[in-house]
Amino acid sequence: MSNEELKQEILRLKKEKNAVILGHYYQRHEIQELSDYIGDSLALAQRAQEATADIIVFCGVHFMAETAKILNPHRKVLLPDMEASCSLAESCKADDFAKFKAAHPDHMVISYVNCSAEIKALSDLICTSGNAEKLVRSLPADQKIIFAPDKNLGGYINQVTGLQMLLWDGVCMVHDAMQAEAILKLKAEYPDAPVVAHPECNAALLRVADFVGSTKAMLNYIKASDKKRFIVATETGILYEMKKENPDKEFITLRDDKSCACDDCAYMKLNTLEKLYKCLRDEQPEIVMSDEMIEKAKRPIVRMLEMSKQLGIIK
């Protein structure tokens, strides 16, 4: 089928099966176009809770679909390509992390939501890139903390808070590969363009950024700014939403420097229209988790949501 025929079939099957399609910001543009909701992983999982659909199709990567299943245990959750993994999640294996945790029994474990269900189950509190700093600041000053799995995000939180959290040595290979030198070259070429960067980027790059924030925070910053162009240091899928919200603004990425094509996540791009169609048609691949794992992984997520409400981060 042509792309247009695939789109029509996807919409037909979605209606027929009472399904909802969730699309992460980093998905292919044609998938974002078909998604009922676009957002980051946790926001999408929460959106799924609000929907009345029988089937949740999560167009993202594996840990995101797991999170949707954890928060919606009685719904069928599908992922178009089960090979859509995540380099950050893969950098933190449960057996290795359990040993690391056991070696520091006096530490509280805070894990970034970009991790597997097994790591969530080993955690005391989950955070996002948007709420990590406020959650950490709300804890007692003498609380010892292990932060996993992203050492870049954890290092950034350490830097802005003055804390010394113990960091697991994991990274998102896409964000970590982005280089400050390439950003500086672009800044020299476009001196009027602020640099917006995701805190998963390495410390050297974050030091030359004008704004550091979560995907949603970057979108809000750009929308509120009177600047007309921006240098964007994050995965290129976000450009779809940036351009949609700001049609009069220009966005420059590392690929414009022509020295790097590192800002695409190959895992995110594994999901295609054809796979989305087959996923809805066959209701496979399905995310299946034990009740025990769902319950253990859900506790630190619920704790995060409760703390976020108390802190006024979410209502």
C-alpha atoms as a PDB file:
ATOM      1  CA  MET A   1       0.000   0.000   0.000  1.00  0.00           C
ATOM      2  CA  SER A   2       1.028   3.593  -0.538  1.00  0.00           C
ATOM      3  CA  ASN A   3       1.607   5.824   2.484  1.00  0.00           C
ATOM      4  CA  GLU A   4      -1.763   7.466   1.913  1.00  0.00           C
ATOM      5  CA  GLU A   5      -3.513   4.084   1.817  1.00  0.00           C
ATOM      6  CA  LEU A   6      -1.680   3.012   4.962  1.00  0.00           C
ATOM      7  CA  LYS A   7      -2.826   6.168   6.742  1.00  0.00           C
ATOM      8  CA  GLN A   8      -6.455   5.530   5.792  1.00  0.00           C
ATOM      9  CA  GLU A   9      -6.256   1.908   6.954  1.00  0.00           C
ATOM     10  CA  ILE A  10      -4.660   2.936  10.247  1.00  0.00           C
ATOM     11  CA  LEU A  11      -7.447   5.439  10.899  1.00  0.00           C
ATOM     12  CA  ARG A  12     -10.076   2.833   9.989  1.00  0.00           C
ATOM     13  CA  LEU A  13      -8.577   0.190  12.288  1.00  0.00           C
ATOM     14  CA  LYS A  14      -8.146   2.697  15.098  1.00  0.00           C
ATOM     15  CA  LYS A  15     -11.855   3.511  14.997  1.00  0.00           C
ATOM     16  CA  GLU A  16     -12.923  -0.112  14.520  1.00  0.00           C
ATOM     17  CA  LYS A  17     -10.871  -1.368  17.473  1.00  0.00           C
ATOM     18  CA  ASN A  18     -11.396   1.649  19.753  1.00  0.00           C
ATOM     19  CA  ALA A  19      -7.673   2.309  19.901  1.00  0.00           C
ATOM     20  CA  VAL A  20      -5.676   5.384  20.817  1.00  0.00           C
ATOM     21  CA  ILE A  21      -2.342   6.182  19.149  1.00  0.00           C
ATOM     22  CA  LEU A  22       0.302   7.875  21.285  1.00  0.00           C
ATOM     23  CA  GLY A  23       3.251   9.418  19.461  1.00  0.00           C
ATOM     24  CA  HIS A  24       6.475  10.527  21.104  1.00  0.00           C
ATOM     25  CA  TYR A  25       8.049  13.808  20.021  1.00  0.00           C
ATOM     26  CA  TYR A  26      10.929  11.881  18.419  1.00  0.00           C
ATOM     27  CA  GLN A  27       8.787   9.754  16.093  1.00  0.00           C
ATOM     28  CA  ARG A  28       8.728  10.085  12.317  1.00  0.00           C
ATOM     29  CA  HIS A  29       6.644  13.051  11.203  1.00  0.00           C
ATOM     30  CA  GLU A  30       4.047  10.895   9.452  1.00  0.00           C
ATOM     31  CA  ILE A  31       3.417   8.985  12.684  1.00  0.00           C
ATOM     32  CA  GLN A  32       3.116  12.186  14.702  1.00  0.00           C
ATOM     33  CA  GLU A  33       0.513  13.344  12.172  1.00  0.00           C
ATOM     34  CA  LEU A  34      -1.640  10.274  12.900  1.00  0.00           C
ATOM     35  CA  SER A  35      -1.210  10.314  16.676  1.00  0.00           C
ATOM     36  CA  ASP A  36      -4.097  11.279  18.933  1.00  0.00           C
ATOM     37  CA  TYR A  37      -1.617  12.696  21.416  1.00  0.00           C
ATOM     38  CA  ILE A  38       1.998  13.828  21.018  1.00  0.00           C
ATOM     39  CA  GLY A  39       4.273  14.277  23.993  1.00  0.00           C
ATOM     40  CA  ASP A  40       7.031  12.833  26.150  1.00  0.00           C
ATOM     41  CA  SER A  41       6.830   9.323  27.562  1.00  0.00           C
ATOM     42  CA  LEU A  42       5.244  10.014  30.939  1.00  0.00           C
ATOM     43  CA  ALA A  43       2.759  12.607  29.670  1.00  0.00           C
ATOM     44  CA  LEU A  44       1.611  10.117  27.031  1.00  0.00           C
ATOM     45  CA  ALA A  45       1.200   7.327  29.579  1.00  0.00           C
ATOM     46  CA  GLN A  46      -0.910   9.686  31.683  1.00  0.00           C
ATOM     47  CA  ARG A  47      -2.933  10.648  28.604  1.00  0.00           C
ATOM     48  CA  ALA A  48      -3.641   6.973  28.075  1.00  0.00           C
ATOM     49  CA  GLN A  49      -5.112   6.803  31.578  1.00  0.00           C
ATOM     50  CA  GLU A  50      -7.570   9.533  30.642  1.00  0.00           C
ATOM     51  CA  ALA A  51      -8.637   7.889  27.383  1.00  0.00           C
ATOM     52  CA  THR A  52     -11.484   5.388  27.068  1.00  0.00           C
ATOM     53  CA  ALA A  53      -9.729   3.285  24.425  1.00  0.00           C
ATOM     54  CA  ASP A  54      -9.511  -0.502  24.682  1.00  0.00           C
ATOM     55  CA  ILE A  55      -6.131  -0.563  22.955  1.00  0.00           C
ATOM     56  CA  ILE A  56      -3.147   1.738  23.464  1.00  0.00           C
ATOM     57  CA  VAL A  57      -0.642   1.865  20.607  1.00  0.00           C
ATOM     58  CA  PHE A  58       2.543   3.502  21.850  1.00  0.00           C
ATOM     59  CA  CYS A  59       4.696   4.827  19.035  1.00  0.00           C
ATOM     60  CA  GLY A  60       7.938   5.280  20.894  1.00  0.00           C
ATOM     61  CA  VAL A  61      10.454   2.894  22.423  1.00  0.00           C
ATOM     62  CA  HIS A  62      10.064  -0.157  24.652  1.00  0.00           C
ATOM     63  CA  PHE A  63      10.407   1.438  28.105  1.00  0.00           C
ATOM     64  CA  MET A  64       7.734   3.996  27.163  1.00  0.00           C
ATOM     65  CA  ALA A  65       5.225   1.296  26.243  1.00  0.00           C
ATOM     66  CA  GLU A  66       6.111  -0.446  29.508  1.00  0.00           C
ATOM     67  CA  THR A  67       5.306   2.741  31.436  1.00  0.00           C
ATOM     68  CA  ALA A  68       1.946   2.953  29.667  1.00  0.00           C
ATOM     69  CA  LYS A  69       1.233  -0.647  30.668  1.00  0.00           C
ATOM     70  CA  ILE A  70       2.290   0.009  34.276  1.00  0.00           C
ATOM     71  CA  LEU A  71      -0.189   2.900  34.506  1.00  0.00           C
ATOM     72  CA  ASN A  72      -2.857   1.069  32.483  1.00  0.00           C
ATOM     73  CA  PRO A  73      -2.520  -2.577  33.559  1.00  0.00           C
ATOM     74  CA  HIS A  74      -5.942  -3.637  32.296  1.00  0.00           C
ATOM     75  CA  ARG A  75      -5.544  -2.206  28.796  1.00  0.00           C
ATOM     76  CA  LYS A  76      -3.889  -3.903  25.842  1.00  0.00           C
ATOM     77  CA  VAL A  77      -0.690  -1.958  25.086  1.00  0.00           C
ATOM     78  CA  LEU A  78       0.990  -2.411  21.713  1.00  0.00           C
ATOM     79  CA  LEU A  79       4.386  -1.305  20.375  1.00  0.00           C
ATOM     80  CA  PRO A  80       4.762  -1.305  16.558  1.00  0.00           C
ATOM     81  CA  ASP A  81       8.336  -2.638  16.716  1.00  0.00           C
ATOM     82  CA  MET A  82       9.491  -4.605  19.762  1.00  0.00           C
ATOM     83  CA  GLU A  83      13.107  -3.937  18.698  1.00  0.00           C
ATOM     84  CA  ALA A  84      12.580  -0.225  19.384  1.00  0.00           C
ATOM     85  CA  SER A  85      14.816  -0.156  22.424  1.00  0.00           C
ATOM     86  CA  CYS A  86      16.726   2.738  24.017  1.00  0.00           C
ATOM     87  CA  SER A  87      20.470   3.118  24.453  1.00  0.00           C
ATOM     88  CA  LEU A  88      19.965   4.832  27.815  1.00  0.00           C
ATOM     89  CA  ALA A  89      17.688   2.111  29.164  1.00  0.00           C
ATOM     90  CA  GLU A  90      20.034  -0.570  27.788  1.00  0.00           C
ATOM     91  CA  SER A  91      22.978   1.026  29.591  1.00  0.00           C
ATOM     92  CA  CYS A  92      21.474   0.024  32.939  1.00  0.00           C
ATOM     93  CA  LYS A  93      20.870  -3.715  33.338  1.00  0.00           C
ATOM     94  CA  ALA A  94      18.815  -4.797  36.330  1.00  0.00           C
ATOM     95  CA  ASP A  95      21.320  -7.361  37.696  1.00  0.00           C
ATOM     96  CA  ASP A  96      24.206  -4.895  37.534  1.00  0.00           C
ATOM     97  CA  PHE A  97      22.171  -2.097  39.048  1.00  0.00           C
ATOM     98  CA  ALA A  98      20.900  -4.320  41.885  1.00  0.00           C
ATOM     99  CA  LYS A  99      24.535  -4.972  42.876  1.00  0.00           C
ATOM    100  CA  PHE A 100      25.348  -1.254  42.647  1.00  0.00           C
ATOM    101  CA  LYS A 101      22.364  -0.433  44.843  1.00  0.00           C
ATOM    102  CA  ALA A 102      23.295  -3.130  47.372  1.00  0.00           C
ATOM    103  CA  ALA A 103      26.791  -1.632  47.674  1.00  0.00           C
ATOM    104  CA  HIS A 104      25.243   1.680  48.830  1.00  0.00           C
ATOM    105  CA  PRO A 105      22.460   0.632  51.217  1.00  0.00           C
ATOM    106  CA  ASP A 106      22.193   4.093  52.809  1.00  0.00           C
ATOM    107  CA  HIS A 107      21.318   5.747  49.485  1.00  0.00           C
ATOM    108  CA  MET A 108      17.887   6.527  48.112  1.00  0.00           C
ATOM    109  CA  VAL A 109      17.469   5.546  44.448  1.00  0.00           C
ATOM    110  CA  ILE A 110      16.046   8.125  42.048  1.00  0.00           C
ATOM    111  CA  SER A 111      15.680   6.873  38.489  1.00  0.00           C
ATOM    112  CA  TYR A 112      14.930   8.869  35.382  1.00  0.00           C
ATOM    113  CA  VAL A 113      11.738   7.613  33.736  1.00  0.00           C
ATOM    114  CA  ASN A 114      13.848   6.587  30.706  1.00  0.00           C
ATOM    115  CA  CYS A 115      14.635   3.178  32.182  1.00  0.00           C
ATOM    116  CA  SER A 116      13.241  -0.346  32.118  1.00  0.00           C
ATOM    117  CA  ALA A 117      10.450  -1.604  34.357  1.00  0.00           C
ATOM    118  CA  GLU A 118      13.037  -3.664  36.240  1.00  0.00           C
ATOM    119  CA  ILE A 119      15.023  -0.529  37.116  1.00  0.00           C
ATOM    120  CA  LYS A 120      11.842   1.291  38.122  1.00  0.00           C
ATOM    121  CA  ALA A 121      11.063  -1.627  40.452  1.00  0.00           C
ATOM    122  CA  LEU A 122      14.484  -1.163  42.103  1.00  0.00           C
ATOM    123  CA  SER A 123      13.902   2.577  42.590  1.00  0.00           C
ATOM    124  CA  ASP A 124      12.450   4.653  45.396  1.00  0.00           C
ATOM    125  CA  LEU A 125      11.396   7.556  43.203  1.00  0.00           C
ATOM    126  CA  ILE A 126      11.039   8.173  39.464  1.00  0.00           C
ATOM    127  CA  CYS A 127      11.675  11.576  37.887  1.00  0.00           C
ATOM    128  CA  THR A 128      11.482  13.211  34.479  1.00  0.00           C
ATOM    129  CA  SER A 129      13.871  15.701  32.920  1.00  0.00           C
ATOM    130  CA  GLY A 130      11.238  18.334  33.673  1.00  0.00           C
ATOM    131  CA  ASN A 131      10.731  17.658  37.381  1.00  0.00           C
ATOM    132  CA  ALA A 132      14.061  16.097  38.469  1.00  0.00           C
ATOM    133  CA  GLU A 133      15.567  19.276  39.915  1.00  0.00           C
ATOM    134  CA  LYS A 134      12.489  20.223  41.960  1.00  0.00           C
ATOM    135  CA  LEU A 135      12.031  16.684  43.284  1.00  0.00           C
ATOM    136  CA  VAL A 136      15.685  16.448  44.322  1.00  0.00           C
ATOM    137  CA  ARG A 137      15.629  19.891  45.973  1.00  0.00           C
ATOM    138  CA  SER A 138      12.543  18.876  47.991  1.00  0.00           C
ATOM    139  CA  LEU A 139      14.401  16.051  49.746  1.00  0.00           C
ATOM    140  CA  PRO A 140      16.326  16.504  53.019  1.00  0.00           C
ATOM    141  CA  ALA A 141      19.731  18.091  52.414  1.00  0.00           C
ATOM    142  CA  ASP A 142      21.545  15.167  54.019  1.00  0.00           C
ATOM    143  CA  GLN A 143      19.745  12.516  51.956  1.00  0.00           C
ATOM    144  CA  LYS A 144      22.248  10.348  50.085  1.00  0.00           C
ATOM    145  CA  ILE A 145      21.079   9.657  46.542  1.00  0.00           C
ATOM    146  CA  ILE A 146      21.874   7.279  43.713  1.00  0.00           C
ATOM    147  CA  PHE A 147      20.744   8.793  40.408  1.00  0.00           C
ATOM    148  CA  ALA A 148      20.215   6.453  37.457  1.00  0.00           C
ATOM    149  CA  PRO A 149      20.577   5.741  34.633  1.00  0.00           C
ATOM    150  CA  ASP A 150      21.614   9.007  32.911  1.00  0.00           C
ATOM    151  CA  LYS A 151      24.897  10.447  34.230  1.00  0.00           C
ATOM    152  CA  ASN A 152      24.455  13.565  32.069  1.00  0.00           C
ATOM    153  CA  LEU A 153      21.065  14.470  33.520  1.00  0.00           C
ATOM    154  CA  GLY A 154      22.280  13.518  36.993  1.00  0.00           C
ATOM    155  CA  GLY A 155      25.452  15.572  36.528  1.00  0.00           C
ATOM    156  CA  TYR A 156      23.409  18.570  35.410  1.00  0.00           C
ATOM    157  CA  ILE A 157      21.192  18.287  38.502  1.00  0.00           C
ATOM    158  CA  ASN A 158      24.313  18.037  40.674  1.00  0.00           C
ATOM    159  CA  GLN A 159      25.717  21.152  39.015  1.00  0.00           C
ATOM    160  CA  VAL A 160      22.607  23.335  39.456  1.00  0.00           C
ATOM    161  CA  THR A 161      21.849  22.133  42.997  1.00  0.00           C
ATOM    162  CA  GLY A 162      25.364  21.796  44.384  1.00  0.00           C
ATOM    163  CA  LEU A 163      24.618  18.207  45.415  1.00  0.00           C
ATOM    164  CA  GLN A 164      26.841  15.192  44.947  1.00  0.00           C
ATOM    165  CA  MET A 165      24.453  12.462  43.937  1.00  0.00           C
ATOM    166  CA  LEU A 166      26.110   9.168  43.091  1.00  0.00           C
ATOM    167  CA  LEU A 167      25.632   8.651  39.345  1.00  0.00           C
ATOM    168  CA  TRP A 168      25.112   5.456  37.380  1.00  0.00           C
ATOM    169  CA  ASP A 169      27.342   5.504  34.277  1.00  0.00           C
ATOM    170  CA  GLY A 170      24.701   5.517  31.537  1.00  0.00           C
ATOM    171  CA  VAL A 171      23.907   7.854  28.642  1.00  0.00           C
ATOM    172  CA  CYS A 172      21.590   8.376  25.695  1.00  0.00           C
ATOM    173  CA  MET A 173      23.984   7.760  22.816  1.00  0.00           C
ATOM    174  CA  VAL A 174      22.213  10.340  20.643  1.00  0.00           C
ATOM    175  CA  HIS A 175      22.378  13.233  23.104  1.00  0.00           C
ATOM    176  CA  ASP A 176      25.802  12.281  24.461  1.00  0.00           C
ATOM    177  CA  ALA A 177      27.318  12.248  20.969  1.00  0.00           C
ATOM    178  CA  MET A 178      26.408  15.878  20.314  1.00  0.00           C
ATOM    179  CA  GLN A 179      29.537  17.997  20.658  1.00  0.00           C
ATOM    180  CA  ALA A 180      30.025  21.482  22.074  1.00  0.00           C
ATOM    181  CA  GLU A 181      32.480  22.255  19.260  1.00  0.00           C
ATOM    182  CA  ALA A 182      29.791  21.739  16.632  1.00  0.00           C
ATOM    183  CA  ILE A 183      27.390  23.942  18.590  1.00  0.00           C
ATOM    184  CA  LEU A 184      30.004  26.694  18.889  1.00  0.00           C
ATOM    185  CA  LYS A 185      30.546  26.628  15.109  1.00  0.00           C
ATOM    186  CA  LEU A 186      26.808  27.053  14.596  1.00  0.00           C
ATOM    187  CA  LYS A 187      26.704  29.861  17.172  1.00  0.00           C
ATOM    188  CA  ALA A 188      29.460  31.665  15.274  1.00  0.00           C
ATOM    189  CA  GLU A 189      27.477  31.292  12.050  1.00  0.00           C
ATOM    190  CA  TYR A 190      24.131  32.240  13.617  1.00  0.00           C
ATOM    191  CA  PRO A 191      24.978  34.621  16.512  1.00  0.00           C
ATOM    192  CA  ASP A 192      21.331  35.689  16.845  1.00  0.00           C
ATOM    193  CA  ALA A 193      20.136  32.120  17.515  1.00  0.00           C
ATOM    194  CA  PRO A 194      19.875  30.921  21.143  1.00  0.00           C
ATOM    195  CA  VAL A 195      20.969  27.335  21.774  1.00  0.00           C
ATOM    196  CA  VAL A 196      18.317  25.139  23.395  1.00  0.00           C
ATOM    197  CA  ALA A 197      19.560  21.801  24.727  1.00  0.00           C
ATOM    198  CA  HIS A 198      18.176  18.756  26.481  1.00  0.00           C
ATOM    199  CA  PRO A 199      19.876  17.896  29.806  1.00  0.00           C
ATOM    200  CA  GLU A 200      20.699  14.425  28.455  1.00  0.00           C
ATOM    201  CA  CYS A 201      23.474  16.171  26.475  1.00  0.00           C
ATOM    202  CA  ASN A 202      27.021  16.060  27.813  1.00  0.00           C
ATOM    203  CA  ALA A 203      28.262  18.675  30.285  1.00  0.00           C
ATOM    204  CA  ALA A 204      30.504  20.489  27.773  1.00  0.00           C
ATOM    205  CA  LEU A 205      27.569  21.099  25.437  1.00  0.00           C
ATOM    206  CA  LEU A 206      25.247  22.182  28.244  1.00  0.00           C
ATOM    207  CA  ARG A 207      27.778  24.823  29.284  1.00  0.00           C
ATOM    208  CA  VAL A 208      27.454  26.565  25.912  1.00  0.00           C
ATOM    209  CA  ALA A 209      23.647  26.349  25.790  1.00  0.00           C
ATOM    210  CA  ASP A 210      21.440  29.380  26.375  1.00  0.00           C
ATOM    211  CA  PHE A 211      18.566  27.271  27.662  1.00  0.00           C
ATOM    212  CA  VAL A 212      18.600  23.768  29.131  1.00  0.00           C
ATOM    213  CA  GLY A 213      15.326  21.960  29.672  1.00  0.00           C
ATOM    214  CA  SER A 214      13.063  19.032  28.976  1.00  0.00           C
ATOM    215  CA  THR A 215      11.469  18.604  25.572  1.00  0.00           C
ATOM    216  CA  LYS A 216       8.311  20.352  26.760  1.00  0.00           C
ATOM    217  CA  ALA A 217      10.316  23.106  28.428  1.00  0.00           C
ATOM    218  CA  MET A 218      12.207  23.746  25.185  1.00  0.00           C
ATOM    219  CA  LEU A 219       8.929  23.993  23.287  1.00  0.00           C
ATOM    220  CA  ASN A 220       7.576  26.474  25.831  1.00  0.00           C
ATOM    221  CA  TYR A 221      10.787  28.528  25.774  1.00  0.00           C
ATOM    222  CA  ILE A 222      10.764  28.825  21.988  1.00  0.00           C
ATOM    223  CA  LYS A 223       7.077  29.676  21.860  1.00  0.00           C
ATOM    224  CA  ALA A 224       7.505  32.467  24.418  1.00  0.00           C
ATOM    225  CA  SER A 225      10.679  33.884  22.865  1.00  0.00           C
ATOM    226  CA  ASP A 226      10.724  36.796  20.435  1.00  0.00           C
ATOM    227  CA  LYS A 227      13.799  35.296  18.724  1.00  0.00           C
ATOM    228  CA  LYS A 228      13.253  34.123  15.171  1.00  0.00           C
ATOM    229  CA  ARG A 229      15.731  31.263  14.986  1.00  0.00           C
ATOM    230  CA  PHE A 230      17.162  28.675  17.346  1.00  0.00           C
ATOM    231  CA  ILE A 231      19.939  26.109  17.435  1.00  0.00           C
ATOM    232  CA  VAL A 232      18.395  22.857  18.676  1.00  0.00           C
ATOM    233  CA  ALA A 233      20.461  20.247  20.528  1.00  0.00           C
ATOM    234  CA  THR A 234      18.169  17.266  20.860  1.00  0.00           C
ATOM    235  CA  GLU A 235      16.672  14.523  18.687  1.00  0.00           C
ATOM    236  CA  THR A 236      15.423  15.865  15.336  1.00  0.00           C
ATOM    237  CA  GLY A 237      11.919  14.433  15.672  1.00  0.00           C
ATOM    238  CA  ILE A 238      11.065  17.413  17.881  1.00  0.00           C
ATOM    239  CA  LEU A 239      11.297  19.708  14.850  1.00  0.00           C
ATOM    240  CA  TYR A 240       7.841  18.586  13.699  1.00  0.00           C
ATOM    241  CA  GLU A 241       6.196  20.021  16.809  1.00  0.00           C
ATOM    242  CA  MET A 242       8.498  23.060  16.931  1.00  0.00           C
ATOM    243  CA  LYS A 243       7.616  24.021  13.357  1.00  0.00           C
ATOM    244  CA  LYS A 244       3.921  23.322  13.902  1.00  0.00           C
ATOM    245  CA  GLU A 245       3.807  25.602  16.959  1.00  0.00           C
ATOM    246  CA  ASN A 246       6.148  28.239  15.476  1.00  0.00           C
ATOM    247  CA  PRO A 247       5.698  28.365  11.682  1.00  0.00           C
ATOM    248  CA  ASP A 248       7.413  31.744  11.499  1.00  0.00           C
ATOM    249  CA  LYS A 249      10.629  30.568  13.209  1.00  0.00           C
ATOM    250  CA  GLU A 250      13.733  28.786  11.918  1.00  0.00           C
ATOM    251  CA  PHE A 251      15.396  25.801  13.573  1.00  0.00           C
ATOM    252  CA  ILE A 252      19.021  24.806  13.069  1.00  0.00           C
ATOM    253  CA  THR A 253      20.306  21.369  14.064  1.00  0.00           C
ATOM    254  CA  LEU A 254      23.713  19.741  14.208  1.00  0.00           C
ATOM    255  CA  ARG A 255      23.215  18.281  10.772  1.00  0.00           C
ATOM    256  CA  ASP A 256      23.258  21.844   9.457  1.00  0.00           C
ATOM    257  CA  ASP A 257      26.881  21.924  10.599  1.00  0.00           C
ATOM    258  CA  LYS A 258      27.430  18.993   8.182  1.00  0.00           C
ATOM    259  CA  SER A 259      29.945  17.454  10.579  1.00  0.00           C
ATOM    260  CA  CYS A 260      27.415  15.348  12.438  1.00  0.00           C
ATOM    261  CA  ALA A 261      24.312  13.331  11.619  1.00  0.00           C
ATOM    262  CA  CYS A 262      24.146  12.116  15.199  1.00  0.00           C
ATOM    263  CA  ASP A 263      20.892  13.766  16.218  1.00  0.00           C
ATOM    264  CA  ASP A 264      18.555  11.019  14.968  1.00  0.00           C
ATOM    265  CA  CYS A 265      17.583   8.120  17.249  1.00  0.00           C
ATOM    266  CA  ALA A 266      17.640   4.960  15.140  1.00  0.00           C
ATOM    267  CA  TYR A 267      15.463   3.173  17.713  1.00  0.00           C
ATOM    268  CA  MET A 268      12.750   5.840  17.565  1.00  0.00           C
ATOM    269  CA  LYS A 269      12.732   5.703  13.788  1.00  0.00           C
ATOM    270  CA  LEU A 270      12.138   1.918  13.734  1.00  0.00           C
ATOM    271  CA  ASN A 271       8.414   2.587  13.991  1.00  0.00           C
ATOM    272  CA  THR A 272       6.952   3.107  10.511  1.00  0.00           C
ATOM    273  CA  LEU A 273       3.495   3.506   8.988  1.00  0.00           C
ATOM    274  CA  GLU A 274       3.565  -0.090   7.757  1.00  0.00           C
ATOM    275  CA  LYS A 275       4.493  -1.425  11.215  1.00  0.00           C
ATOM    276  CA  LEU A 276       1.827   0.748  12.830  1.00  0.00           C
ATOM    277  CA  TYR A 277      -0.754  -0.633  10.386  1.00  0.00           C
ATOM    278  CA  LYS A 278       0.238  -4.261  11.031  1.00  0.00           C
ATOM    279  CA  CYS A 279       0.343  -3.625  14.767  1.00  0.00           C
ATOM    280  CA  LEU A 280      -3.268  -2.430  14.758  1.00  0.00           C
ATOM    281  CA  ARG A 281      -4.391  -5.129  12.339  1.00  0.00           C
ATOM    282  CA  ASP A 282      -2.874  -8.022  14.289  1.00  0.00           C
ATOM    283  CA  GLU A 283      -2.945  -6.440  17.771  1.00  0.00           C
ATOM    284  CA  GLN A 284       0.711  -7.426  18.119  1.00  0.00           C
ATOM    285  CA  PRO A 285       3.405  -7.021  19.435  1.00  0.00           C
ATOM    286  CA  GLU A 286       1.848  -6.639  22.876  1.00  0.00           C
ATOM    287  CA  ILE A 287       3.564  -5.495  26.067  1.00  0.00           C
ATOM    288  CA  VAL A 288       3.085  -8.255  28.637  1.00  0.00           C
ATOM    289  CA  MET A 289       4.229  -7.857  32.234  1.00  0.00           C
ATOM    290  CA  SER A 290       3.576  -9.768  35.440  1.00  0.00           C
ATOM    291  CA  ASP A 291       1.241  -8.269  38.045  1.00  0.00           C
ATOM    292  CA  GLU A 292       4.127  -8.300  40.516  1.00  0.00           C
ATOM    293  CA  MET A 293       6.414  -6.304  38.224  1.00  0.00           C
ATOM    294  CA  ILE A 294       3.652  -3.818  37.414  1.00  0.00           C
ATOM    295  CA  GLU A 295       2.997  -3.238  41.120  1.00  0.00           C
ATOM    296  CA  LYS A 296       6.682  -2.827  42.035  1.00  0.00           C
ATOM    297  CA  ALA A 297       7.421  -0.499  39.107  1.00  0.00           C
ATOM    298  CA  LYS A 298       4.294   1.557  39.724  1.00  0.00           C
ATOM    299  CA  ARG A 299       5.127   2.551  43.318  1.00  0.00           C
ATOM    300  CA  PRO A 300       7.986   5.000  42.546  1.00  0.00           C
ATOM    301  CA  ILE A 301       5.972   6.486  39.671  1.00  0.00           C
ATOM    302  CA  VAL A 302       2.984   7.091  41.958  1.00  0.00           C
ATOM    303  CA  ARG A 303       5.324   8.606  44.545  1.00  0.00           C
ATOM    304  CA  MET A 304       6.673  10.982  41.889  1.00  0.00           C
ATOM    305  CA  LEU A 305       3.165  12.021  40.847  1.00  0.00           C
ATOM    306  CA  GLU A 306       2.127  12.610  44.458  1.00  0.00           C
ATOM    307  CA  MET A 307       5.256  14.647  45.219  1.00  0.00           C
ATOM    308  CA  SER A 308       4.817  16.640  42.005  1.00  0.00           C
ATOM    309  CA  LYS A 309       1.286  17.582  43.040  1.00  0.00           C
ATOM    310  CA  GLN A 310       2.463  18.629  46.503  1.00  0.00           C
ATOM    311  CA  LEU A 311       5.206  20.763  44.956  1.00  0.00           C
ATOM    312  CA  GLY A 312       2.807  22.329  42.458  1.00  0.00           C
ATOM    313  CA  ILE A 313       4.652  20.876  39.461  1.00  0.00           C
ATOM    314  CA  ILE A 314       1.462  19.205  38.257  1.00  0.00           C
ATOM    315  CA  LYS A 315      -2.127  19.780  39.317  1.00  0.00           C
END
